[in-house]
């Protein structure tokens, strides 16, 4: 009798173990099949969130924006967003005083970006079983933050026959929310660029090389050595991105000779004129006018002086546009601070 009970118990335990193993194997196969699609969807949400934040950095209707590099570096502050949002309003109803001509209506763009983000995040809810708790929480926070404010309001409110308008029509009051969204962007970016299963065949043109993205984050953060180490280990990578970034990192480390080698590797494979790759020489860590003269000498060996000077003039023009936007934003801020 005892042997029979033991045999039954062993049979039950064996069946349970087999069931658990089979279930785990099945779940594992489903995870491997579905996870690549989920990672692609999350990456698309990252791009949509970046677009939302960039709308808040727009300078004019021609597509000019304040540099996104400070956001990418994780160095943006509430004060930065407060300044960047000074020249923005929701719509034309807010352009009711002497500062009106300086204000850029972006409410429609923010609403469009919000709606797209929320739809993308809602679609991801069907795949929560294939997401980590951290990913689910991040997406929930993003969906909540982009809906904190209404982007469709009218500036005028009629009460008892009287028309009331806000004292300050700018979007500077959204600065804290934009900062929090930028922090969520960086957190989601750190997750996304670590993905190994993402299905690039869905749209290979959308998904960037995550190795380059990681190296660029090191560069923006001033971690030049880590950037260099990451780039030197890369094989089968876009040589344009690799050597342009390697040039920047070596240059900022003070290793000019190695920077010039990287720059010449880049120049060997490009057919573009200097004006088309001008951003190599100007960013948050570099200024075209303080470059070592050997850099410009190498450029002049490859291109005409006119082509190099054209690049410099364009960089100066872009700098003037951003400087003028900052000056205008400070004037708008001062105007409304006086009440």
C-alpha atoms as a PDB file:
ATOM      1  CA  UNK A   1       0.000   0.000   0.000  1.00  0.00           C
ATOM      2  CA  UNK A   2       2.818   2.354   0.935  1.00  0.00           C
ATOM      3  CA  UNK A   3       4.621   1.665  -2.333  1.00  0.00           C
ATOM      4  CA  UNK A   4       1.429   2.437  -4.246  1.00  0.00           C
ATOM      5  CA  UNK A   5       1.013   5.817  -2.513  1.00  0.00           C
ATOM      6  CA  UNK A   6       4.634   6.676  -3.169  1.00  0.00           C
ATOM      7  CA  UNK A   7       4.251   5.767  -6.845  1.00  0.00           C
ATOM      8  CA  UNK A   8       1.132   7.934  -7.146  1.00  0.00           C
ATOM      9  CA  UNK A   9       2.873  10.867  -5.470  1.00  0.00           C
ATOM     10  CA  UNK A  10       5.898  10.494  -7.737  1.00  0.00           C
ATOM     11  CA  UNK A  11       3.597  10.387 -10.758  1.00  0.00           C
ATOM     12  CA  UNK A  12       1.799  13.573  -9.650  1.00  0.00           C
ATOM     13  CA  UNK A  13       5.056  15.431  -8.951  1.00  0.00           C
ATOM     14  CA  UNK A  14       6.498  14.312 -12.286  1.00  0.00           C
ATOM     15  CA  UNK A  15       3.374  15.515 -14.100  1.00  0.00           C
ATOM     16  CA  UNK A  16       3.528  18.897 -12.361  1.00  0.00           C
ATOM     17  CA  UNK A  17       7.196  19.330 -13.203  1.00  0.00           C
ATOM     18  CA  UNK A  18       6.546  18.368 -16.833  1.00  0.00           C
ATOM     19  CA  UNK A  19       3.640  20.819 -16.982  1.00  0.00           C
ATOM     20  CA  UNK A  20       5.750  23.653 -15.562  1.00  0.00           C
ATOM     21  CA  UNK A  21       8.639  22.901 -17.940  1.00  0.00           C
ATOM     22  CA  UNK A  22       6.295  22.704 -20.941  1.00  0.00           C
ATOM     23  CA  UNK A  23       4.573  25.950 -19.959  1.00  0.00           C
ATOM     24  CA  UNK A  24       7.902  27.725 -19.469  1.00  0.00           C
ATOM     25  CA  UNK A  25       9.161  26.445 -22.832  1.00  0.00           C
ATOM     26  CA  UNK A  26       5.968  27.578 -24.554  1.00  0.00           C
ATOM     27  CA  UNK A  27       6.099  31.009 -22.883  1.00  0.00           C
ATOM     28  CA  UNK A  28       9.760  31.279 -23.836  1.00  0.00           C
ATOM     29  CA  UNK A  29       8.987  30.587 -27.497  1.00  0.00           C
ATOM     30  CA  UNK A  30       6.144  33.117 -27.476  1.00  0.00           C
ATOM     31  CA  UNK A  31       8.433  35.700 -25.831  1.00  0.00           C
ATOM     32  CA  UNK A  32      11.118  35.191 -28.495  1.00  0.00           C
ATOM     33  CA  UNK A  33       8.563  35.552 -31.284  1.00  0.00           C
ATOM     34  CA  UNK A  34       6.671  38.571 -29.946  1.00  0.00           C
ATOM     35  CA  UNK A  35       9.416  40.474 -28.141  1.00  0.00           C
ATOM     36  CA  UNK A  36      11.110  41.781 -31.351  1.00  0.00           C
ATOM     37  CA  UNK A  37       7.858  43.481 -32.359  1.00  0.00           C
ATOM     38  CA  UNK A  38       7.377  44.911 -28.857  1.00  0.00           C
ATOM     39  CA  UNK A  39      10.891  46.360 -28.840  1.00  0.00           C
ATOM     40  CA  UNK A  40      10.254  48.007 -32.211  1.00  0.00           C
ATOM     41  CA  UNK A  41       7.017  49.540 -30.910  1.00  0.00           C
ATOM     42  CA  UNK A  42       8.758  50.922 -27.817  1.00  0.00           C
ATOM     43  CA  UNK A  43      11.502  52.389 -30.003  1.00  0.00           C
ATOM     44  CA  UNK A  44       8.850  54.136 -32.105  1.00  0.00           C
ATOM     45  CA  UNK A  45       7.374  55.594 -28.914  1.00  0.00           C
ATOM     46  CA  UNK A  46      10.838  56.898 -28.038  1.00  0.00           C
ATOM     47  CA  UNK A  47      11.010  58.707 -31.393  1.00  0.00           C
ATOM     48  CA  UNK A  48       7.517  60.162 -30.925  1.00  0.00           C
ATOM     49  CA  UNK A  49       8.438  61.425 -27.453  1.00  0.00           C
ATOM     50  CA  UNK A  50      11.571  63.045 -28.870  1.00  0.00           C
ATOM     51  CA  UNK A  51       9.405  64.810 -31.447  1.00  0.00           C
ATOM     52  CA  UNK A  52       7.046  66.064 -28.712  1.00  0.00           C
ATOM     53  CA  UNK A  53       9.960  67.575 -26.763  1.00  0.00           C
ATOM     54  CA  UNK A  54      11.493  69.069 -29.910  1.00  0.00           C
ATOM     55  CA  UNK A  55       8.253  70.945 -30.633  1.00  0.00           C
ATOM     56  CA  UNK A  56       8.889  72.779 -27.367  1.00  0.00           C
ATOM     57  CA  UNK A  57      12.327  73.798 -28.676  1.00  0.00           C
ATOM     58  CA  UNK A  58      11.139  75.313 -31.944  1.00  0.00           C
ATOM     59  CA  UNK A  59      12.341  78.818 -32.747  1.00  0.00           C
ATOM     60  CA  UNK A  60      10.262  79.710 -35.792  1.00  0.00           C
ATOM     61  CA  UNK A  61       7.914  78.309 -38.407  1.00  0.00           C
ATOM     62  CA  UNK A  62      10.837  77.391 -40.681  1.00  0.00           C
ATOM     63  CA  UNK A  63      11.861  74.409 -38.579  1.00  0.00           C
ATOM     64  CA  UNK A  64      14.679  76.018 -36.604  1.00  0.00           C
ATOM     65  CA  UNK A  65      15.025  74.710 -33.052  1.00  0.00           C
ATOM     66  CA  UNK A  66      17.131  75.291 -30.005  1.00  0.00           C
ATOM     67  CA  UNK A  67      19.770  72.575 -29.825  1.00  0.00           C
ATOM     68  CA  UNK A  68      18.538  69.211 -28.546  1.00  0.00           C
ATOM     69  CA  UNK A  69      22.059  68.251 -27.440  1.00  0.00           C
ATOM     70  CA  UNK A  70      21.607  69.512 -23.892  1.00  0.00           C
ATOM     71  CA  UNK A  71      18.544  67.288 -23.521  1.00  0.00           C
ATOM     72  CA  UNK A  72      20.464  64.301 -24.930  1.00  0.00           C
ATOM     73  CA  UNK A  73      23.296  64.963 -22.485  1.00  0.00           C
ATOM     74  CA  UNK A  74      20.866  64.974 -19.559  1.00  0.00           C
ATOM     75  CA  UNK A  75      21.950  68.511 -18.686  1.00  0.00           C
ATOM     76  CA  UNK A  76      18.719  70.361 -19.466  1.00  0.00           C
ATOM     77  CA  UNK A  77      17.146  72.122 -16.476  1.00  0.00           C
ATOM     78  CA  UNK A  78      13.795  73.680 -15.656  1.00  0.00           C
ATOM     79  CA  UNK A  79      15.403  77.058 -16.369  1.00  0.00           C
ATOM     80  CA  UNK A  80      16.423  75.881 -19.836  1.00  0.00           C
ATOM     81  CA  UNK A  81      12.918  74.740 -20.721  1.00  0.00           C
ATOM     82  CA  UNK A  82      11.496  77.915 -19.193  1.00  0.00           C
ATOM     83  CA  UNK A  83      13.634  79.923 -21.612  1.00  0.00           C
ATOM     84  CA  UNK A  84      12.940  77.682 -24.614  1.00  0.00           C
ATOM     85  CA  UNK A  85       9.176  77.957 -24.039  1.00  0.00           C
ATOM     86  CA  UNK A  86       9.098  81.751 -23.659  1.00  0.00           C
ATOM     87  CA  UNK A  87       8.464  82.318 -27.377  1.00  0.00           C
ATOM     88  CA  UNK A  88       5.623  79.766 -27.564  1.00  0.00           C
ATOM     89  CA  UNK A  89       1.865  79.990 -27.090  1.00  0.00           C
ATOM     90  CA  UNK A  90      -0.974  77.542 -27.705  1.00  0.00           C
ATOM     91  CA  UNK A  91      -2.678  79.296 -30.623  1.00  0.00           C
ATOM     92  CA  UNK A  92      -3.349  82.685 -32.193  1.00  0.00           C
ATOM     93  CA  UNK A  93      -5.884  83.681 -29.528  1.00  0.00           C
ATOM     94  CA  UNK A  94      -2.922  84.096 -27.162  1.00  0.00           C
ATOM     95  CA  UNK A  95      -1.230  86.662 -29.400  1.00  0.00           C
ATOM     96  CA  UNK A  96      -3.234  89.507 -27.898  1.00  0.00           C
ATOM     97  CA  UNK A  97      -0.617  92.026 -26.757  1.00  0.00           C
ATOM     98  CA  UNK A  98       2.561  93.736 -27.954  1.00  0.00           C
ATOM     99  CA  UNK A  99       4.522  90.495 -27.600  1.00  0.00           C
ATOM    100  CA  UNK A 100       2.071  88.631 -29.858  1.00  0.00           C
ATOM    101  CA  UNK A 101       4.151  88.881 -33.018  1.00  0.00           C
ATOM    102  CA  UNK A 102       7.035  87.143 -31.245  1.00  0.00           C
ATOM    103  CA  UNK A 103       4.991  84.149 -30.100  1.00  0.00           C
ATOM    104  CA  UNK A 104       4.943  80.886 -32.025  1.00  0.00           C
ATOM    105  CA  UNK A 105       1.674  78.883 -31.743  1.00  0.00           C
ATOM    106  CA  UNK A 106       2.475  75.187 -31.171  1.00  0.00           C
ATOM    107  CA  UNK A 107      -0.678  73.879 -29.471  1.00  0.00           C
ATOM    108  CA  UNK A 108      -1.843  71.952 -32.557  1.00  0.00           C
ATOM    109  CA  UNK A 109       1.563  70.275 -32.927  1.00  0.00           C
ATOM    110  CA  UNK A 110       1.687  69.290 -29.264  1.00  0.00           C
ATOM    111  CA  UNK A 111      -1.855  67.897 -29.458  1.00  0.00           C
ATOM    112  CA  UNK A 112      -0.972  65.858 -32.546  1.00  0.00           C
ATOM    113  CA  UNK A 113       2.162  64.471 -30.870  1.00  0.00           C
ATOM    114  CA  UNK A 114       0.195  63.717 -27.686  1.00  0.00           C
ATOM    115  CA  UNK A 115      -2.516  61.836 -29.585  1.00  0.00           C
ATOM    116  CA  UNK A 116       0.049  59.805 -31.510  1.00  0.00           C
ATOM    117  CA  UNK A 117       1.957  58.909 -28.330  1.00  0.00           C
ATOM    118  CA  UNK A 118      -1.172  57.868 -26.473  1.00  0.00           C
ATOM    119  CA  UNK A 119      -2.323  55.666 -29.355  1.00  0.00           C
ATOM    120  CA  UNK A 120       1.082  54.011 -29.576  1.00  0.00           C
ATOM    121  CA  UNK A 121       1.171  53.380 -25.830  1.00  0.00           C
ATOM    122  CA  UNK A 122      -2.402  52.053 -25.847  1.00  0.00           C
ATOM    123  CA  UNK A 123      -1.475  49.566 -28.568  1.00  0.00           C
ATOM    124  CA  UNK A 124       1.450  48.367 -26.448  1.00  0.00           C
ATOM    125  CA  UNK A 125      -0.958  47.517 -23.623  1.00  0.00           C
ATOM    126  CA  UNK A 126      -1.973  44.386 -25.544  1.00  0.00           C
ATOM    127  CA  UNK A 127       1.596  43.123 -25.112  1.00  0.00           C
ATOM    128  CA  UNK A 128       2.141  43.754 -21.401  1.00  0.00           C
ATOM    129  CA  UNK A 129       2.878  40.047 -20.950  1.00  0.00           C
ATOM    130  CA  UNK A 130       5.940  40.549 -23.135  1.00  0.00           C
ATOM    131  CA  UNK A 131       7.169  43.710 -21.402  1.00  0.00           C
ATOM    132  CA  UNK A 132       9.089  44.326 -18.208  1.00  0.00           C
ATOM    133  CA  UNK A 133       7.504  46.112 -15.263  1.00  0.00           C
ATOM    134  CA  UNK A 134       9.940  48.988 -15.797  1.00  0.00           C
ATOM    135  CA  UNK A 135       8.866  49.412 -19.425  1.00  0.00           C
ATOM    136  CA  UNK A 136       5.169  49.354 -18.536  1.00  0.00           C
ATOM    137  CA  UNK A 137       5.703  51.962 -15.812  1.00  0.00           C
ATOM    138  CA  UNK A 138       7.769  54.224 -18.081  1.00  0.00           C
ATOM    139  CA  UNK A 139       5.108  54.191 -20.802  1.00  0.00           C
ATOM    140  CA  UNK A 140       2.377  54.885 -18.255  1.00  0.00           C
ATOM    141  CA  UNK A 141       4.305  57.887 -16.926  1.00  0.00           C
ATOM    142  CA  UNK A 142       4.854  59.232 -20.451  1.00  0.00           C
ATOM    143  CA  UNK A 143       1.167  58.873 -21.342  1.00  0.00           C
ATOM    144  CA  UNK A 144       0.242  60.699 -18.135  1.00  0.00           C
ATOM    145  CA  UNK A 145       2.775  63.506 -18.545  1.00  0.00           C
ATOM    146  CA  UNK A 146       1.846  64.400 -22.122  1.00  0.00           C
ATOM    147  CA  UNK A 147      -1.768  64.762 -21.005  1.00  0.00           C
ATOM    148  CA  UNK A 148      -1.135  67.016 -17.992  1.00  0.00           C
ATOM    149  CA  UNK A 149      -2.107  70.129 -19.968  1.00  0.00           C
ATOM    150  CA  UNK A 150      -4.723  70.888 -22.579  1.00  0.00           C
ATOM    151  CA  UNK A 151      -3.278  72.127 -25.869  1.00  0.00           C
ATOM    152  CA  UNK A 152      -6.566  73.250 -27.420  1.00  0.00           C
ATOM    153  CA  UNK A 153      -7.704  75.992 -25.024  1.00  0.00           C
ATOM    154  CA  UNK A 154      -8.804  79.452 -26.091  1.00  0.00           C
ATOM    155  CA  UNK A 155      -7.118  82.417 -24.422  1.00  0.00           C
ATOM    156  CA  UNK A 156     -10.397  84.251 -23.880  1.00  0.00           C
ATOM    157  CA  UNK A 157     -12.847  83.401 -21.137  1.00  0.00           C
ATOM    158  CA  UNK A 158     -16.125  85.324 -20.911  1.00  0.00           C
ATOM    159  CA  UNK A 159     -17.590  85.719 -17.416  1.00  0.00           C
ATOM    160  CA  UNK A 160     -20.600  87.960 -16.783  1.00  0.00           C
ATOM    161  CA  UNK A 161     -20.091  89.613 -20.135  1.00  0.00           C
ATOM    162  CA  UNK A 162     -16.437  90.423 -19.431  1.00  0.00           C
ATOM    163  CA  UNK A 163     -13.497  88.933 -21.354  1.00  0.00           C
ATOM    164  CA  UNK A 164     -10.608  87.573 -19.296  1.00  0.00           C
ATOM    165  CA  UNK A 165      -7.194  86.496 -20.604  1.00  0.00           C
ATOM    166  CA  UNK A 166      -4.132  85.066 -18.849  1.00  0.00           C
ATOM    167  CA  UNK A 167      -1.561  87.607 -17.699  1.00  0.00           C
ATOM    168  CA  UNK A 168       1.217  85.597 -19.346  1.00  0.00           C
ATOM    169  CA  UNK A 169       0.251  83.884 -22.647  1.00  0.00           C
ATOM    170  CA  UNK A 170       3.521  81.939 -23.059  1.00  0.00           C
ATOM    171  CA  UNK A 171       4.012  78.234 -22.357  1.00  0.00           C
ATOM    172  CA  UNK A 172       6.747  78.798 -19.782  1.00  0.00           C
ATOM    173  CA  UNK A 173       4.421  77.260 -17.175  1.00  0.00           C
ATOM    174  CA  UNK A 174       5.017  73.887 -18.871  1.00  0.00           C
ATOM    175  CA  UNK A 175       8.756  73.936 -18.133  1.00  0.00           C
ATOM    176  CA  UNK A 176       8.666  71.441 -15.249  1.00  0.00           C
ATOM    177  CA  UNK A 177       6.530  69.036 -17.256  1.00  0.00           C
ATOM    178  CA  UNK A 178       8.866  69.218 -20.244  1.00  0.00           C
ATOM    179  CA  UNK A 179      11.828  68.573 -17.972  1.00  0.00           C
ATOM    180  CA  UNK A 180      10.151  65.481 -16.537  1.00  0.00           C
ATOM    181  CA  UNK A 181       9.329  64.286 -20.053  1.00  0.00           C
ATOM    182  CA  UNK A 182      12.964  64.774 -21.059  1.00  0.00           C
ATOM    183  CA  UNK A 183      14.027  62.638 -18.093  1.00  0.00           C
ATOM    184  CA  UNK A 184      11.533  59.936 -19.107  1.00  0.00           C
ATOM    185  CA  UNK A 185      12.898  60.191 -22.652  1.00  0.00           C
ATOM    186  CA  UNK A 186      16.427  59.473 -21.407  1.00  0.00           C
ATOM    187  CA  UNK A 187      15.226  56.574 -19.250  1.00  0.00           C
ATOM    188  CA  UNK A 188      13.340  55.032 -22.171  1.00  0.00           C
ATOM    189  CA  UNK A 189      16.286  55.677 -24.483  1.00  0.00           C
ATOM    190  CA  UNK A 190      18.600  53.783 -22.130  1.00  0.00           C
ATOM    191  CA  UNK A 191      16.196  50.855 -22.311  1.00  0.00           C
ATOM    192  CA  UNK A 192      15.711  50.996 -26.073  1.00  0.00           C
ATOM    193  CA  UNK A 193      19.380  51.172 -27.082  1.00  0.00           C
ATOM    194  CA  UNK A 194      20.052  48.063 -25.001  1.00  0.00           C
ATOM    195  CA  UNK A 195      17.552  45.996 -27.023  1.00  0.00           C
ATOM    196  CA  UNK A 196      18.989  42.970 -28.818  1.00  0.00           C
ATOM    197  CA  UNK A 197      15.833  41.413 -30.267  1.00  0.00           C
ATOM    198  CA  UNK A 198      14.307  44.442 -32.007  1.00  0.00           C
ATOM    199  CA  UNK A 199      12.896  43.557 -35.433  1.00  0.00           C
ATOM    200  CA  UNK A 200      14.661  45.940 -37.808  1.00  0.00           C
ATOM    201  CA  UNK A 201      12.959  44.353 -40.823  1.00  0.00           C
ATOM    202  CA  UNK A 202       9.728  46.176 -39.901  1.00  0.00           C
ATOM    203  CA  UNK A 203      11.390  49.443 -40.922  1.00  0.00           C
ATOM    204  CA  UNK A 204      15.169  49.434 -41.122  1.00  0.00           C
ATOM    205  CA  UNK A 205      15.217  53.163 -41.932  1.00  0.00           C
ATOM    206  CA  UNK A 206      13.647  54.057 -38.581  1.00  0.00           C
ATOM    207  CA  UNK A 207      15.929  52.053 -36.297  1.00  0.00           C
ATOM    208  CA  UNK A 208      19.354  53.585 -35.757  1.00  0.00           C
ATOM    209  CA  UNK A 209      22.587  51.779 -34.916  1.00  0.00           C
ATOM    210  CA  UNK A 210      22.364  51.462 -31.145  1.00  0.00           C
ATOM    211  CA  UNK A 211      26.144  51.129 -30.828  1.00  0.00           C
ATOM    212  CA  UNK A 212      26.573  54.584 -32.340  1.00  0.00           C
ATOM    213  CA  UNK A 213      23.749  55.902 -30.157  1.00  0.00           C
ATOM    214  CA  UNK A 214      25.516  54.671 -27.007  1.00  0.00           C
ATOM    215  CA  UNK A 215      28.830  56.170 -28.119  1.00  0.00           C
ATOM    216  CA  UNK A 216      27.124  59.491 -28.901  1.00  0.00           C
ATOM    217  CA  UNK A 217      25.584  59.552 -25.418  1.00  0.00           C
ATOM    218  CA  UNK A 218      29.084  59.175 -23.952  1.00  0.00           C
ATOM    219  CA  UNK A 219      30.260  62.076 -26.121  1.00  0.00           C
ATOM    220  CA  UNK A 220      27.416  64.399 -25.136  1.00  0.00           C
ATOM    221  CA  UNK A 221      28.046  63.547 -21.480  1.00  0.00           C
ATOM    222  CA  UNK A 222      31.713  64.526 -21.876  1.00  0.00           C
ATOM    223  CA  UNK A 223      32.842  60.912 -21.484  1.00  0.00           C
ATOM    224  CA  UNK A 224      35.205  61.136 -24.434  1.00  0.00           C
ATOM    225  CA  UNK A 225      37.394  58.146 -23.536  1.00  0.00           C
ATOM    226  CA  UNK A 226      34.386  55.851 -23.195  1.00  0.00           C
ATOM    227  CA  UNK A 227      33.114  57.146 -26.526  1.00  0.00           C
ATOM    228  CA  UNK A 228      36.454  56.393 -28.198  1.00  0.00           C
ATOM    229  CA  UNK A 229      36.685  52.910 -26.686  1.00  0.00           C
ATOM    230  CA  UNK A 230      33.165  52.062 -27.841  1.00  0.00           C
ATOM    231  CA  UNK A 231      33.816  53.318 -31.386  1.00  0.00           C
ATOM    232  CA  UNK A 232      37.143  51.531 -31.795  1.00  0.00           C
ATOM    233  CA  UNK A 233      35.526  48.189 -30.994  1.00  0.00           C
ATOM    234  CA  UNK A 234      32.863  48.588 -33.672  1.00  0.00           C
ATOM    235  CA  UNK A 235      32.902  46.526 -36.837  1.00  0.00           C
ATOM    236  CA  UNK A 236      30.520  46.716 -39.792  1.00  0.00           C
ATOM    237  CA  UNK A 237      29.326  50.159 -38.827  1.00  0.00           C
ATOM    238  CA  UNK A 238      28.437  53.321 -40.760  1.00  0.00           C
ATOM    239  CA  UNK A 239      31.884  54.808 -41.361  1.00  0.00           C
ATOM    240  CA  UNK A 240      30.489  58.328 -41.694  1.00  0.00           C
ATOM    241  CA  UNK A 241      29.018  58.253 -38.198  1.00  0.00           C
ATOM    242  CA  UNK A 242      31.944  56.361 -36.684  1.00  0.00           C
ATOM    243  CA  UNK A 243      34.745  58.602 -37.916  1.00  0.00           C
ATOM    244  CA  UNK A 244      32.901  61.903 -37.494  1.00  0.00           C
ATOM    245  CA  UNK A 245      32.199  61.019 -33.858  1.00  0.00           C
ATOM    246  CA  UNK A 246      35.714  59.631 -33.375  1.00  0.00           C
ATOM    247  CA  UNK A 247      37.110  62.932 -34.658  1.00  0.00           C
ATOM    248  CA  UNK A 248      35.022  64.875 -32.160  1.00  0.00           C
ATOM    249  CA  UNK A 249      35.944  62.651 -29.200  1.00  0.00           C
ATOM    250  CA  UNK A 250      39.679  62.636 -29.945  1.00  0.00           C
ATOM    251  CA  UNK A 251      39.633  66.396 -30.510  1.00  0.00           C
ATOM    252  CA  UNK A 252      37.890  67.068 -27.198  1.00  0.00           C
ATOM    253  CA  UNK A 253      40.460  64.822 -25.483  1.00  0.00           C
ATOM    254  CA  UNK A 254      43.188  67.070 -26.855  1.00  0.00           C
ATOM    255  CA  UNK A 255      44.596  64.326 -29.097  1.00  0.00           C
ATOM    256  CA  UNK A 256      44.691  66.441 -32.243  1.00  0.00           C
ATOM    257  CA  UNK A 257      46.805  64.080 -34.345  1.00  0.00           C
ATOM    258  CA  UNK A 258      44.433  61.153 -33.774  1.00  0.00           C
ATOM    259  CA  UNK A 259      41.492  63.492 -34.396  1.00  0.00           C
ATOM    260  CA  UNK A 260      42.971  64.475 -37.751  1.00  0.00           C
ATOM    261  CA  UNK A 261      43.461  60.815 -38.703  1.00  0.00           C
ATOM    262  CA  UNK A 262      39.787  60.149 -37.948  1.00  0.00           C
ATOM    263  CA  UNK A 263      38.729  63.254 -39.865  1.00  0.00           C
ATOM    264  CA  UNK A 264      40.732  62.207 -42.917  1.00  0.00           C
ATOM    265  CA  UNK A 265      39.200  58.720 -42.789  1.00  0.00           C
ATOM    266  CA  UNK A 266      35.838  60.470 -42.946  1.00  0.00           C
ATOM    267  CA  UNK A 267      36.915  62.753 -45.788  1.00  0.00           C
ATOM    268  CA  UNK A 268      38.222  59.749 -47.735  1.00  0.00           C
ATOM    269  CA  UNK A 269      34.762  58.231 -47.998  1.00  0.00           C
ATOM    270  CA  UNK A 270      32.520  61.278 -48.339  1.00  0.00           C
ATOM    271  CA  UNK A 271      31.529  63.005 -51.559  1.00  0.00           C
ATOM    272  CA  UNK A 272      29.778  65.839 -49.729  1.00  0.00           C
ATOM    273  CA  UNK A 273      30.874  69.452 -49.548  1.00  0.00           C
ATOM    274  CA  UNK A 274      31.893  70.905 -46.143  1.00  0.00           C
ATOM    275  CA  UNK A 275      28.590  72.767 -45.771  1.00  0.00           C
ATOM    276  CA  UNK A 276      26.791  69.404 -45.782  1.00  0.00           C
ATOM    277  CA  UNK A 277      28.809  67.956 -42.885  1.00  0.00           C
ATOM    278  CA  UNK A 278      29.336  71.226 -41.009  1.00  0.00           C
ATOM    279  CA  UNK A 279      27.846  69.893 -37.764  1.00  0.00           C
ATOM    280  CA  UNK A 280      31.006  67.852 -37.244  1.00  0.00           C
ATOM    281  CA  UNK A 281      32.744  71.087 -36.302  1.00  0.00           C
ATOM    282  CA  UNK A 282      30.116  72.762 -34.148  1.00  0.00           C
ATOM    283  CA  UNK A 283      28.161  71.412 -31.185  1.00  0.00           C
ATOM    284  CA  UNK A 284      27.913  71.806 -27.407  1.00  0.00           C
ATOM    285  CA  UNK A 285      31.594  70.845 -27.047  1.00  0.00           C
ATOM    286  CA  UNK A 286      33.113  72.389 -30.190  1.00  0.00           C
ATOM    287  CA  UNK A 287      33.217  75.782 -31.893  1.00  0.00           C
ATOM    288  CA  UNK A 288      34.338  76.295 -35.462  1.00  0.00           C
ATOM    289  CA  UNK A 289      36.200  79.501 -34.533  1.00  0.00           C
ATOM    290  CA  UNK A 290      38.307  77.896 -31.805  1.00  0.00           C
ATOM    291  CA  UNK A 291      39.340  74.818 -33.813  1.00  0.00           C
ATOM    292  CA  UNK A 292      43.010  73.967 -34.146  1.00  0.00           C
ATOM    293  CA  UNK A 293      44.231  75.519 -37.385  1.00  0.00           C
ATOM    294  CA  UNK A 294      45.393  72.090 -38.595  1.00  0.00           C
ATOM    295  CA  UNK A 295      41.771  71.026 -38.927  1.00  0.00           C
ATOM    296  CA  UNK A 296      40.962  73.837 -41.337  1.00  0.00           C
ATOM    297  CA  UNK A 297      44.256  73.227 -43.167  1.00  0.00           C
ATOM    298  CA  UNK A 298      43.241  69.613 -43.815  1.00  0.00           C
ATOM    299  CA  UNK A 299      39.873  70.803 -45.080  1.00  0.00           C
ATOM    300  CA  UNK A 300      41.486  73.348 -47.382  1.00  0.00           C
ATOM    301  CA  UNK A 301      43.753  70.614 -48.773  1.00  0.00           C
ATOM    302  CA  UNK A 302      40.641  68.728 -49.861  1.00  0.00           C
ATOM    303  CA  UNK A 303      38.264  71.555 -50.765  1.00  0.00           C
ATOM    304  CA  UNK A 304      38.457  75.086 -52.115  1.00  0.00           C
ATOM    305  CA  UNK A 305      38.699  78.013 -49.733  1.00  0.00           C
ATOM    306  CA  UNK A 306      35.294  79.145 -50.984  1.00  0.00           C
ATOM    307  CA  UNK A 307      33.730  75.809 -49.979  1.00  0.00           C
ATOM    308  CA  UNK A 308      35.259  75.951 -46.488  1.00  0.00           C
ATOM    309  CA  UNK A 309      34.275  79.589 -46.022  1.00  0.00           C
ATOM    310  CA  UNK A 310      30.727  78.769 -47.153  1.00  0.00           C
ATOM    311  CA  UNK A 311      30.543  76.180 -44.353  1.00  0.00           C
ATOM    312  CA  UNK A 312      31.825  78.673 -41.775  1.00  0.00           C
ATOM    313  CA  UNK A 313      29.335  81.342 -42.880  1.00  0.00           C
ATOM    314  CA  UNK A 314      26.455  78.892 -42.582  1.00  0.00           C
ATOM    315  CA  UNK A 315      27.518  77.845 -39.071  1.00  0.00           C
ATOM    316  CA  UNK A 316      27.753  81.515 -38.109  1.00  0.00           C
ATOM    317  CA  UNK A 317      24.289  82.151 -39.551  1.00  0.00           C
ATOM    318  CA  UNK A 318      22.800  79.267 -37.556  1.00  0.00           C
ATOM    319  CA  UNK A 319      24.489  80.557 -34.408  1.00  0.00           C
ATOM    320  CA  UNK A 320      23.063  84.042 -34.984  1.00  0.00           C
ATOM    321  CA  UNK A 321      19.560  82.600 -35.378  1.00  0.00           C
ATOM    322  CA  UNK A 322      19.806  80.748 -32.057  1.00  0.00           C
ATOM    323  CA  UNK A 323      21.420  83.728 -30.293  1.00  0.00           C
ATOM    324  CA  UNK A 324      18.665  86.022 -31.574  1.00  0.00           C
ATOM    325  CA  UNK A 325      16.038  83.535 -30.360  1.00  0.00           C
ATOM    326  CA  UNK A 326      17.617  83.434 -26.900  1.00  0.00           C
ATOM    327  CA  UNK A 327      17.749  87.237 -26.777  1.00  0.00           C
ATOM    328  CA  UNK A 328      14.098  87.477 -27.803  1.00  0.00           C
ATOM    329  CA  UNK A 329      13.072  84.833 -25.246  1.00  0.00           C
ATOM    330  CA  UNK A 330      14.842  86.753 -22.484  1.00  0.00           C
ATOM    331  CA  UNK A 331      13.076  89.956 -23.536  1.00  0.00           C
ATOM    332  CA  UNK A 332       9.695  88.210 -23.534  1.00  0.00           C
ATOM    333  CA  UNK A 333      10.438  86.747 -20.100  1.00  0.00           C
ATOM    334  CA  UNK A 334      11.447  90.152 -18.761  1.00  0.00           C
ATOM    335  CA  UNK A 335       8.342  91.783 -20.232  1.00  0.00           C
ATOM    336  CA  UNK A 336       5.941  89.443 -18.436  1.00  0.00           C
ATOM    337  CA  UNK A 337       7.996  89.410 -15.246  1.00  0.00           C
ATOM    338  CA  UNK A 338       7.288  93.128 -14.889  1.00  0.00           C
ATOM    339  CA  UNK A 339       3.588  92.228 -14.805  1.00  0.00           C
END
